[in-house]
């Protein structure tokens, strides 16, 4: 849990296995989508 929750709040995602669902909010504007991709 320590690894997972640190990754979730930091937004890095490298320690999370499985799939990450892309939500409509990720595409709500160019800034949000660019941030997600980066």
ModelCIF file with pLDDT and N, C-alpha, C, O atoms, coordinates in Angstrom:
data_MODEL
#
_entry.id   MODEL 
#
_entity.id                         1 
_entity.type                       polymer 
_entity.pdbx_number_of_molecules   1 
#
_entity_poly.entity_id                      1 
_entity_poly.type                           'polypeptide(L)' 
_entity_poly.nstd_linkage                   no 
_entity_poly.nstd_monomer                   no 
_entity_poly.pdbx_seq_one_letter_code       
;(UNK)(UNK)(UNK)(UNK)(UNK)(UNK)(UNK)(UNK)(UNK)(UNK)(UNK)(UNK)(UNK)(UNK)(UNK)(UNK)
(UNK)(UNK)(UNK)(UNK)(UNK)(UNK)(UNK)(UNK)(UNK)(UNK)(UNK)(UNK)(UNK)(UNK)(UNK)(UNK)
(UNK)(UNK)(UNK)(UNK)(UNK)(UNK)
;
_entity_poly.pdbx_seq_one_letter_code_can   XXXXXXXXXXXXXXXXXXXXXXXXXXXXXXXXXXXXXX 
_entity_poly.pdbx_strand_id                 A 
#
loop_
_entity_poly_seq.entity_id 
_entity_poly_seq.num 
_entity_poly_seq.mon_id 
_entity_poly_seq.hetero 
1 1  UNK n 
1 2  UNK n 
1 3  UNK n 
1 4  UNK n 
1 5  UNK n 
1 6  UNK n 
1 7  UNK n 
1 8  UNK n 
1 9  UNK n 
1 10 UNK n 
1 11 UNK n 
1 12 UNK n 
1 13 UNK n 
1 14 UNK n 
1 15 UNK n 
1 16 UNK n 
1 17 UNK n 
1 18 UNK n 
1 19 UNK n 
1 20 UNK n 
1 21 UNK n 
1 22 UNK n 
1 23 UNK n 
1 24 UNK n 
1 25 UNK n 
1 26 UNK n 
1 27 UNK n 
1 28 UNK n 
1 29 UNK n 
1 30 UNK n 
1 31 UNK n 
1 32 UNK n 
1 33 UNK n 
1 34 UNK n 
1 35 UNK n 
1 36 UNK n 
1 37 UNK n 
1 38 UNK n 
#
_struct_asym.id          A 
_struct_asym.entity_id   1 
#
loop_
_ma_qa_metric.id 
_ma_qa_metric.mode 
_ma_qa_metric.name 
_ma_qa_metric.software_group_id 
_ma_qa_metric.type 
1 global pLDDT . pLDDT 
2 local  pLDDT . pLDDT 
#
_ma_qa_metric_global.metric_id      1 
_ma_qa_metric_global.metric_value   72.16 
_ma_qa_metric_global.model_id       1 
_ma_qa_metric_global.ordinal_id     1 
#
loop_
_ma_qa_metric_local.label_asym_id 
_ma_qa_metric_local.label_comp_id 
_ma_qa_metric_local.label_seq_id 
_ma_qa_metric_local.metric_id 
_ma_qa_metric_local.metric_value 
_ma_qa_metric_local.model_id 
_ma_qa_metric_local.ordinal_id 
A UNK 1  2 63.00 1 1  
A UNK 2  2 66.00 1 2  
A UNK 3  2 66.00 1 3  
A UNK 4  2 69.00 1 4  
A UNK 5  2 74.00 1 5  
A UNK 6  2 71.00 1 6  
A UNK 7  2 70.00 1 7  
A UNK 8  2 68.00 1 8  
A UNK 9  2 71.00 1 9  
A UNK 10 2 67.00 1 10 
A UNK 11 2 61.00 1 11 
A UNK 12 2 57.00 1 12 
A UNK 13 2 53.00 1 13 
A UNK 14 2 51.00 1 14 
A UNK 15 2 49.00 1 15 
A UNK 16 2 52.00 1 16 
A UNK 17 2 56.00 1 17 
A UNK 18 2 63.00 1 18 
A UNK 19 2 74.00 1 19 
A UNK 20 2 80.00 1 20 
A UNK 21 2 85.00 1 21 
A UNK 22 2 86.00 1 22 
A UNK 23 2 84.00 1 23 
A UNK 24 2 85.00 1 24 
A UNK 25 2 80.00 1 25 
A UNK 26 2 83.00 1 26 
A UNK 27 2 83.00 1 27 
A UNK 28 2 79.00 1 28 
A UNK 29 2 80.00 1 29 
A UNK 30 2 80.00 1 30 
A UNK 31 2 79.00 1 31 
A UNK 32 2 79.00 1 32 
A UNK 33 2 82.00 1 33 
A UNK 34 2 83.00 1 34 
A UNK 35 2 78.00 1 35 
A UNK 36 2 78.00 1 36 
A UNK 37 2 79.00 1 37 
A UNK 38 2 78.00 1 38 
#
loop_
_atom_site.group_PDB 
_atom_site.id 
_atom_site.type_symbol 
_atom_site.label_atom_id 
_atom_site.label_alt_id 
_atom_site.label_comp_id 
_atom_site.label_asym_id 
_atom_site.label_entity_id 
_atom_site.label_seq_id 
_atom_site.pdbx_PDB_ins_code 
_atom_site.Cartn_x 
_atom_site.Cartn_y 
_atom_site.Cartn_z 
_atom_site.occupancy 
_atom_site.B_iso_or_equiv 
_atom_site.pdbx_formal_charge 
_atom_site.auth_seq_id 
_atom_site.auth_comp_id 
_atom_site.auth_asym_id 
_atom_site.auth_atom_id 
_atom_site.pdbx_PDB_model_num 
ATOM 1   N N  . UNK A 1 1  ? 0.818   -1.211 0.000   1.00 63.00 ? 1  UNK A N  1 
ATOM 2   C CA . UNK A 1 1  ? 0.000   0.000  0.000   1.00 63.00 ? 1  UNK A CA 1 
ATOM 3   C C  . UNK A 1 1  ? 0.848   1.255  0.000   1.00 63.00 ? 1  UNK A C  1 
ATOM 4   O O  . UNK A 1 1  ? 0.501   2.248  -0.638  1.00 63.00 ? 1  UNK A O  1 
ATOM 5   N N  . UNK A 1 2  ? 1.966   1.207  0.722   1.00 66.00 ? 2  UNK A N  1 
ATOM 6   C CA . UNK A 1 2  ? 2.837   2.381  0.766   1.00 66.00 ? 2  UNK A CA 1 
ATOM 7   C C  . UNK A 1 2  ? 3.297   2.746  -0.637  1.00 66.00 ? 2  UNK A C  1 
ATOM 8   O O  . UNK A 1 2  ? 3.235   3.912  -1.027  1.00 66.00 ? 2  UNK A O  1 
ATOM 9   N N  . UNK A 1 3  ? 3.754   1.767  -1.392  1.00 66.00 ? 3  UNK A N  1 
ATOM 10  C CA . UNK A 1 3  ? 4.228   2.033  -2.752  1.00 66.00 ? 3  UNK A CA 1 
ATOM 11  C C  . UNK A 1 3  ? 3.096   2.541  -3.642  1.00 66.00 ? 3  UNK A C  1 
ATOM 12  O O  . UNK A 1 3  ? 3.269   3.505  -4.388  1.00 66.00 ? 3  UNK A O  1 
ATOM 13  N N  . UNK A 1 4  ? 1.931   1.884  -3.558  1.00 69.00 ? 4  UNK A N  1 
ATOM 14  C CA . UNK A 1 4  ? 0.806   2.244  -4.415  1.00 69.00 ? 4  UNK A CA 1 
ATOM 15  C C  . UNK A 1 4  ? 0.316   3.655  -4.114  1.00 69.00 ? 4  UNK A C  1 
ATOM 16  O O  . UNK A 1 4  ? 0.131   4.454  -5.032  1.00 69.00 ? 4  UNK A O  1 
ATOM 17  N N  . UNK A 1 5  ? 0.106   3.968  -2.844  1.00 74.00 ? 5  UNK A N  1 
ATOM 18  C CA . UNK A 1 5  ? -0.470  5.267  -2.506  1.00 74.00 ? 5  UNK A CA 1 
ATOM 19  C C  . UNK A 1 5  ? 0.512   6.408  -2.759  1.00 74.00 ? 5  UNK A C  1 
ATOM 20  O O  . UNK A 1 5  ? 0.097   7.507  -3.128  1.00 74.00 ? 5  UNK A O  1 
ATOM 21  N N  . UNK A 1 6  ? 1.803   6.161  -2.565  1.00 71.00 ? 6  UNK A N  1 
ATOM 22  C CA . UNK A 1 6  ? 2.786   7.176  -2.911  1.00 71.00 ? 6  UNK A CA 1 
ATOM 23  C C  . UNK A 1 6  ? 2.760   7.455  -4.405  1.00 71.00 ? 6  UNK A C  1 
ATOM 24  O O  . UNK A 1 6  ? 2.846   8.608  -4.827  1.00 71.00 ? 6  UNK A O  1 
ATOM 25  N N  . UNK A 1 7  ? 2.642   6.407  -5.201  1.00 70.00 ? 7  UNK A N  1 
ATOM 26  C CA . UNK A 1 7  ? 2.612   6.578  -6.649  1.00 70.00 ? 7  UNK A CA 1 
ATOM 27  C C  . UNK A 1 7  ? 1.343   7.297  -7.101  1.00 70.00 ? 7  UNK A C  1 
ATOM 28  O O  . UNK A 1 7  ? 1.388   8.144  -7.993  1.00 70.00 ? 7  UNK A O  1 
ATOM 29  N N  . UNK A 1 8  ? 0.209   6.955  -6.482  1.00 68.00 ? 8  UNK A N  1 
ATOM 30  C CA . UNK A 1 8  ? -1.057  7.574  -6.866  1.00 68.00 ? 8  UNK A CA 1 
ATOM 31  C C  . UNK A 1 8  ? -1.037  9.062  -6.585  1.00 68.00 ? 8  UNK A C  1 
ATOM 32  O O  . UNK A 1 8  ? -1.439  9.857  -7.435  1.00 68.00 ? 8  UNK A O  1 
ATOM 33  N N  . UNK A 1 9  ? -0.576  9.454  -5.406  1.00 71.00 ? 9  UNK A N  1 
ATOM 34  C CA . UNK A 1 9  ? -0.582  10.871 -5.070  1.00 71.00 ? 9  UNK A CA 1 
ATOM 35  C C  . UNK A 1 9  ? 0.511   11.638 -5.798  1.00 71.00 ? 9  UNK A C  1 
ATOM 36  O O  . UNK A 1 9  ? 0.342   12.825 -6.078  1.00 71.00 ? 9  UNK A O  1 
ATOM 37  N N  . UNK A 1 10 ? 1.627   10.990 -6.110  1.00 67.00 ? 10 UNK A N  1 
ATOM 38  C CA . UNK A 1 10 ? 2.678   11.697 -6.839  1.00 67.00 ? 10 UNK A CA 1 
ATOM 39  C C  . UNK A 1 10 ? 2.382   11.772 -8.324  1.00 67.00 ? 10 UNK A C  1 
ATOM 40  O O  . UNK A 1 10 ? 2.924   12.620 -9.033  1.00 67.00 ? 10 UNK A O  1 
ATOM 41  N N  . UNK A 1 11 ? 1.501   10.863 -8.798  1.00 61.00 ? 11 UNK A N  1 
ATOM 42  C CA . UNK A 1 11 ? 1.139   10.880 -10.213 1.00 61.00 ? 11 UNK A CA 1 
ATOM 43  C C  . UNK A 1 11 ? 2.122   10.190 -11.125 1.00 61.00 ? 11 UNK A C  1 
ATOM 44  O O  . UNK A 1 11 ? 1.988   10.280 -12.345 1.00 61.00 ? 11 UNK A O  1 
ATOM 45  N N  . UNK A 1 12 ? 3.120   9.493  -10.569 1.00 57.00 ? 12 UNK A N  1 
ATOM 46  C CA . UNK A 1 12 ? 4.137   8.870  -11.405 1.00 57.00 ? 12 UNK A CA 1 
ATOM 47  C C  . UNK A 1 12 ? 3.657   7.550  -12.004 1.00 57.00 ? 12 UNK A C  1 
ATOM 48  O O  . UNK A 1 12 ? 3.830   7.305  -13.198 1.00 57.00 ? 12 UNK A O  1 
ATOM 49  N N  . UNK A 1 13 ? 3.059   6.706  -11.176 1.00 53.00 ? 13 UNK A N  1 
ATOM 50  C CA . UNK A 1 13 ? 2.449   5.496  -11.698 1.00 53.00 ? 13 UNK A CA 1 
ATOM 51  C C  . UNK A 1 13 ? 3.384   4.339  -11.980 1.00 53.00 ? 13 UNK A C  1 
ATOM 52  O O  . UNK A 1 13 ? 2.923   3.293  -12.437 1.00 53.00 ? 13 UNK A O  1 
ATOM 53  N N  . UNK A 1 14 ? 4.674   4.475  -11.730 1.00 51.00 ? 14 UNK A N  1 
ATOM 54  C CA . UNK A 1 14 ? 5.610   3.431  -12.135 1.00 51.00 ? 14 UNK A CA 1 
ATOM 55  C C  . UNK A 1 14 ? 5.499   2.167  -11.300 1.00 51.00 ? 14 UNK A C  1 
ATOM 56  O O  . UNK A 1 14 ? 5.933   1.108  -11.752 1.00 51.00 ? 14 UNK A O  1 
ATOM 57  N N  . UNK A 1 15 ? 4.928   2.238  -10.087 1.00 49.00 ? 15 UNK A N  1 
ATOM 58  C CA . UNK A 1 15 ? 4.840   1.058  -9.230  1.00 49.00 ? 15 UNK A CA 1 
ATOM 59  C C  . UNK A 1 15 ? 3.474   0.407  -9.283  1.00 49.00 ? 15 UNK A C  1 
ATOM 60  O O  . UNK A 1 15 ? 3.207   -0.534 -8.535  1.00 49.00 ? 15 UNK A O  1 
ATOM 61  N N  . UNK A 1 16 ? 2.609   0.891  -10.152 1.00 52.00 ? 16 UNK A N  1 
ATOM 62  C CA . UNK A 1 16 ? 1.247   0.383  -10.218 1.00 52.00 ? 16 UNK A CA 1 
ATOM 63  C C  . UNK A 1 16 ? 1.145   -0.635 -11.338 1.00 52.00 ? 16 UNK A C  1 
ATOM 64  O O  . UNK A 1 16 ? 1.487   -0.339 -12.483 1.00 52.00 ? 16 UNK A O  1 
ATOM 65  N N  . UNK A 1 17 ? 0.673   -1.840 -11.013 1.00 56.00 ? 17 UNK A N  1 
ATOM 66  C CA . UNK A 1 17 ? 0.459   -2.843 -12.036 1.00 56.00 ? 17 UNK A CA 1 
ATOM 67  C C  . UNK A 1 17 ? -0.996  -2.798 -12.454 1.00 56.00 ? 17 UNK A C  1 
ATOM 68  O O  . UNK A 1 17 ? -1.842  -2.242 -11.753 1.00 56.00 ? 17 UNK A O  1 
ATOM 69  N N  . UNK A 1 18 ? -1.282  -3.398 -13.621 1.00 63.00 ? 18 UNK A N  1 
ATOM 70  C CA . UNK A 1 18 ? -2.655  -3.371 -14.103 1.00 63.00 ? 18 UNK A CA 1 
ATOM 71  C C  . UNK A 1 18 ? -2.835  -2.282 -15.140 1.00 63.00 ? 18 UNK A C  1 
ATOM 72  O O  . UNK A 1 18 ? -1.882  -1.909 -15.824 1.00 63.00 ? 18 UNK A O  1 
ATOM 73  N N  . UNK A 1 19 ? -4.050  -1.767 -15.262 1.00 74.00 ? 19 UNK A N  1 
ATOM 74  C CA . UNK A 1 19 ? -4.362  -0.771 -16.282 1.00 74.00 ? 19 UNK A CA 1 
ATOM 75  C C  . UNK A 1 19 ? -4.875  0.508  -15.637 1.00 74.00 ? 19 UNK A C  1 
ATOM 76  O O  . UNK A 1 19 ? -5.551  0.473  -14.608 1.00 74.00 ? 19 UNK A O  1 
ATOM 77  N N  . UNK A 1 20 ? -4.549  1.625  -16.250 1.00 80.00 ? 20 UNK A N  1 
ATOM 78  C CA . UNK A 1 20 ? -5.004  2.927  -15.797 1.00 80.00 ? 20 UNK A CA 1 
ATOM 79  C C  . UNK A 1 20 ? -6.094  3.399  -16.751 1.00 80.00 ? 20 UNK A C  1 
ATOM 80  O O  . UNK A 1 20 ? -5.855  3.536  -17.951 1.00 80.00 ? 20 UNK A O  1 
ATOM 81  N N  . UNK A 1 21 ? -7.288  3.648  -16.225 1.00 85.00 ? 21 UNK A N  1 
ATOM 82  C CA . UNK A 1 21 ? -8.414  4.066  -17.057 1.00 85.00 ? 21 UNK A CA 1 
ATOM 83  C C  . UNK A 1 21 ? -8.290  5.536  -17.424 1.00 85.00 ? 21 UNK A C  1 
ATOM 84  O O  . UNK A 1 21 ? -8.136  6.388  -16.549 1.00 85.00 ? 21 UNK A O  1 
ATOM 85  N N  . UNK A 1 22 ? -8.355  5.836  -18.720 1.00 86.00 ? 22 UNK A N  1 
ATOM 86  C CA . UNK A 1 22 ? -8.358  7.226  -19.174 1.00 86.00 ? 22 UNK A CA 1 
ATOM 87  C C  . UNK A 1 22 ? -9.779  7.766  -19.039 1.00 86.00 ? 22 UNK A C  1 
ATOM 88  O O  . UNK A 1 22 ? -10.728 7.191  -19.572 1.00 86.00 ? 22 UNK A O  1 
ATOM 89  N N  . UNK A 1 23 ? -9.908  8.872  -18.324 1.00 84.00 ? 23 UNK A N  1 
ATOM 90  C CA . UNK A 1 23 ? -11.215 9.466  -18.040 1.00 84.00 ? 23 UNK A CA 1 
ATOM 91  C C  . UNK A 1 23 ? -11.473 10.674 -18.926 1.00 84.00 ? 23 UNK A C  1 
ATOM 92  O O  . UNK A 1 23 ? -10.528 11.266 -19.447 1.00 84.00 ? 23 UNK A O  1 
ATOM 93  N N  . UNK A 1 24 ? -12.748 11.056 -19.109 1.00 85.00 ? 24 UNK A N  1 
ATOM 94  C CA . UNK A 1 24 ? -13.060 12.266 -19.883 1.00 85.00 ? 24 UNK A CA 1 
ATOM 95  C C  . UNK A 1 24 ? -12.347 13.506 -19.351 1.00 85.00 ? 24 UNK A C  1 
ATOM 96  O O  . UNK A 1 24 ? -12.015 14.409 -20.119 1.00 85.00 ? 24 UNK A O  1 
ATOM 97  N N  . UNK A 1 25 ? -12.109 13.551 -18.024 1.00 80.00 ? 25 UNK A N  1 
ATOM 98  C CA . UNK A 1 25 ? -11.433 14.712 -17.437 1.00 80.00 ? 25 UNK A CA 1 
ATOM 99  C C  . UNK A 1 25 ? -10.011 14.870 -17.962 1.00 80.00 ? 25 UNK A C  1 
ATOM 100 O O  . UNK A 1 25 ? -9.487  15.984 -18.007 1.00 80.00 ? 25 UNK A O  1 
ATOM 101 N N  . UNK A 1 26 ? -9.377  13.756 -18.363 1.00 83.00 ? 26 UNK A N  1 
ATOM 102 C CA . UNK A 1 26 ? -8.023  13.860 -18.908 1.00 83.00 ? 26 UNK A CA 1 
ATOM 103 C C  . UNK A 1 26 ? -8.006  14.585 -20.245 1.00 83.00 ? 26 UNK A C  1 
ATOM 104 O O  . UNK A 1 26 ? -6.963  15.073 -20.681 1.00 83.00 ? 26 UNK A O  1 
ATOM 105 N N  . UNK A 1 27 ? -9.172  14.655 -20.899 1.00 83.00 ? 27 UNK A N  1 
ATOM 106 C CA . UNK A 1 27 ? -9.261  15.268 -22.226 1.00 83.00 ? 27 UNK A CA 1 
ATOM 107 C C  . UNK A 1 27 ? -10.030 16.586 -22.213 1.00 83.00 ? 27 UNK A C  1 
ATOM 108 O O  . UNK A 1 27 ? -10.363 17.123 -23.269 1.00 83.00 ? 27 UNK A O  1 
ATOM 109 N N  . UNK A 1 28 ? -10.310 17.104 -21.024 1.00 79.00 ? 28 UNK A N  1 
ATOM 110 C CA . UNK A 1 28 ? -11.199 18.267 -20.945 1.00 79.00 ? 28 UNK A CA 1 
ATOM 111 C C  . UNK A 1 28 ? -10.599 19.520 -21.569 1.00 79.00 ? 28 UNK A C  1 
ATOM 112 O O  . UNK A 1 28 ? -11.332 20.402 -22.017 1.00 79.00 ? 28 UNK A O  1 
ATOM 113 N N  . UNK A 1 29 ? -9.268  19.604 -21.603 1.00 80.00 ? 29 UNK A N  1 
ATOM 114 C CA . UNK A 1 29 ? -8.608  20.708 -22.295 1.00 80.00 ? 29 UNK A CA 1 
ATOM 115 C C  . UNK A 1 29 ? -7.191  20.276 -22.646 1.00 80.00 ? 29 UNK A C  1 
ATOM 116 O O  . UNK A 1 29 ? -6.724  19.227 -22.204 1.00 80.00 ? 29 UNK A O  1 
ATOM 117 N N  . UNK A 1 30 ? -6.517  21.088 -23.440 1.00 80.00 ? 30 UNK A N  1 
ATOM 118 C CA . UNK A 1 30 ? -5.181  20.730 -23.921 1.00 80.00 ? 30 UNK A CA 1 
ATOM 119 C C  . UNK A 1 30 ? -4.183  20.613 -22.778 1.00 80.00 ? 30 UNK A C  1 
ATOM 120 O O  . UNK A 1 30 ? -3.307  19.748 -22.801 1.00 80.00 ? 30 UNK A O  1 
ATOM 121 N N  . UNK A 1 31 ? -4.314  21.490 -21.766 1.00 79.00 ? 31 UNK A N  1 
ATOM 122 C CA . UNK A 1 31 ? -3.401  21.457 -20.625 1.00 79.00 ? 31 UNK A CA 1 
ATOM 123 C C  . UNK A 1 31 ? -3.521  20.138 -19.865 1.00 79.00 ? 31 UNK A C  1 
ATOM 124 O O  . UNK A 1 31 ? -2.512  19.537 -19.496 1.00 79.00 ? 31 UNK A O  1 
ATOM 125 N N  . UNK A 1 32 ? -4.756  19.689 -19.631 1.00 79.00 ? 32 UNK A N  1 
ATOM 126 C CA . UNK A 1 32 ? -4.975  18.443 -18.892 1.00 79.00 ? 32 UNK A CA 1 
ATOM 127 C C  . UNK A 1 32 ? -4.405  17.248 -19.646 1.00 79.00 ? 32 UNK A C  1 
ATOM 128 O O  . UNK A 1 32 ? -3.777  16.376 -19.045 1.00 79.00 ? 32 UNK A O  1 
ATOM 129 N N  . UNK A 1 33 ? -4.622  17.202 -20.964 1.00 82.00 ? 33 UNK A N  1 
ATOM 130 C CA . UNK A 1 33 ? -4.147  16.064 -21.748 1.00 82.00 ? 33 UNK A CA 1 
ATOM 131 C C  . UNK A 1 33 ? -2.618  16.069 -21.868 1.00 82.00 ? 33 UNK A C  1 
ATOM 132 O O  . UNK A 1 33 ? -1.984  15.015 -21.798 1.00 82.00 ? 33 UNK A O  1 
ATOM 133 N N  . UNK A 1 34 ? -2.033  17.249 -22.047 1.00 83.00 ? 34 UNK A N  1 
ATOM 134 C CA . UNK A 1 34 ? -0.574  17.347 -22.113 1.00 83.00 ? 34 UNK A CA 1 
ATOM 135 C C  . UNK A 1 34 ? 0.054   16.910 -20.796 1.00 83.00 ? 34 UNK A C  1 
ATOM 136 O O  . UNK A 1 34 ? 1.063   16.206 -20.789 1.00 83.00 ? 34 UNK A O  1 
ATOM 137 N N  . UNK A 1 35 ? -0.544  17.327 -19.683 1.00 78.00 ? 35 UNK A N  1 
ATOM 138 C CA . UNK A 1 35 ? -0.045  16.931 -18.369 1.00 78.00 ? 35 UNK A CA 1 
ATOM 139 C C  . UNK A 1 35 ? -0.119  15.420 -18.202 1.00 78.00 ? 35 UNK A C  1 
ATOM 140 O O  . UNK A 1 35 ? 0.817   14.811 -17.684 1.00 78.00 ? 35 UNK A O  1 
ATOM 141 N N  . UNK A 1 36 ? -1.215  14.807 -18.633 1.00 78.00 ? 36 UNK A N  1 
ATOM 142 C CA . UNK A 1 36 ? -1.380  13.355 -18.521 1.00 78.00 ? 36 UNK A CA 1 
ATOM 143 C C  . UNK A 1 36 ? -0.316  12.638 -19.352 1.00 78.00 ? 36 UNK A C  1 
ATOM 144 O O  . UNK A 1 36 ? 0.321   11.703 -18.868 1.00 78.00 ? 36 UNK A O  1 
ATOM 145 N N  . UNK A 1 37 ? -0.122  13.068 -20.588 1.00 79.00 ? 37 UNK A N  1 
ATOM 146 C CA . UNK A 1 37 ? 0.856   12.412 -21.468 1.00 79.00 ? 37 UNK A CA 1 
ATOM 147 C C  . UNK A 1 37 ? 2.274   12.521 -20.915 1.00 79.00 ? 37 UNK A C  1 
ATOM 148 O O  . UNK A 1 37 ? 3.037   11.555 -20.940 1.00 79.00 ? 37 UNK A O  1 
ATOM 149 N N  . UNK A 1 38 ? 2.614   13.693 -20.422 1.00 78.00 ? 38 UNK A N  1 
ATOM 150 C CA . UNK A 1 38 ? 3.958   13.891 -19.883 1.00 78.00 ? 38 UNK A CA 1 
ATOM 151 C C  . UNK A 1 38 ? 4.215   13.020 -18.656 1.00 78.00 ? 38 UNK A C  1 
ATOM 152 O O  . UNK A 1 38 ? 5.302   13.068 -18.082 1.00 78.00 ? 38 UNK A O  1 
#
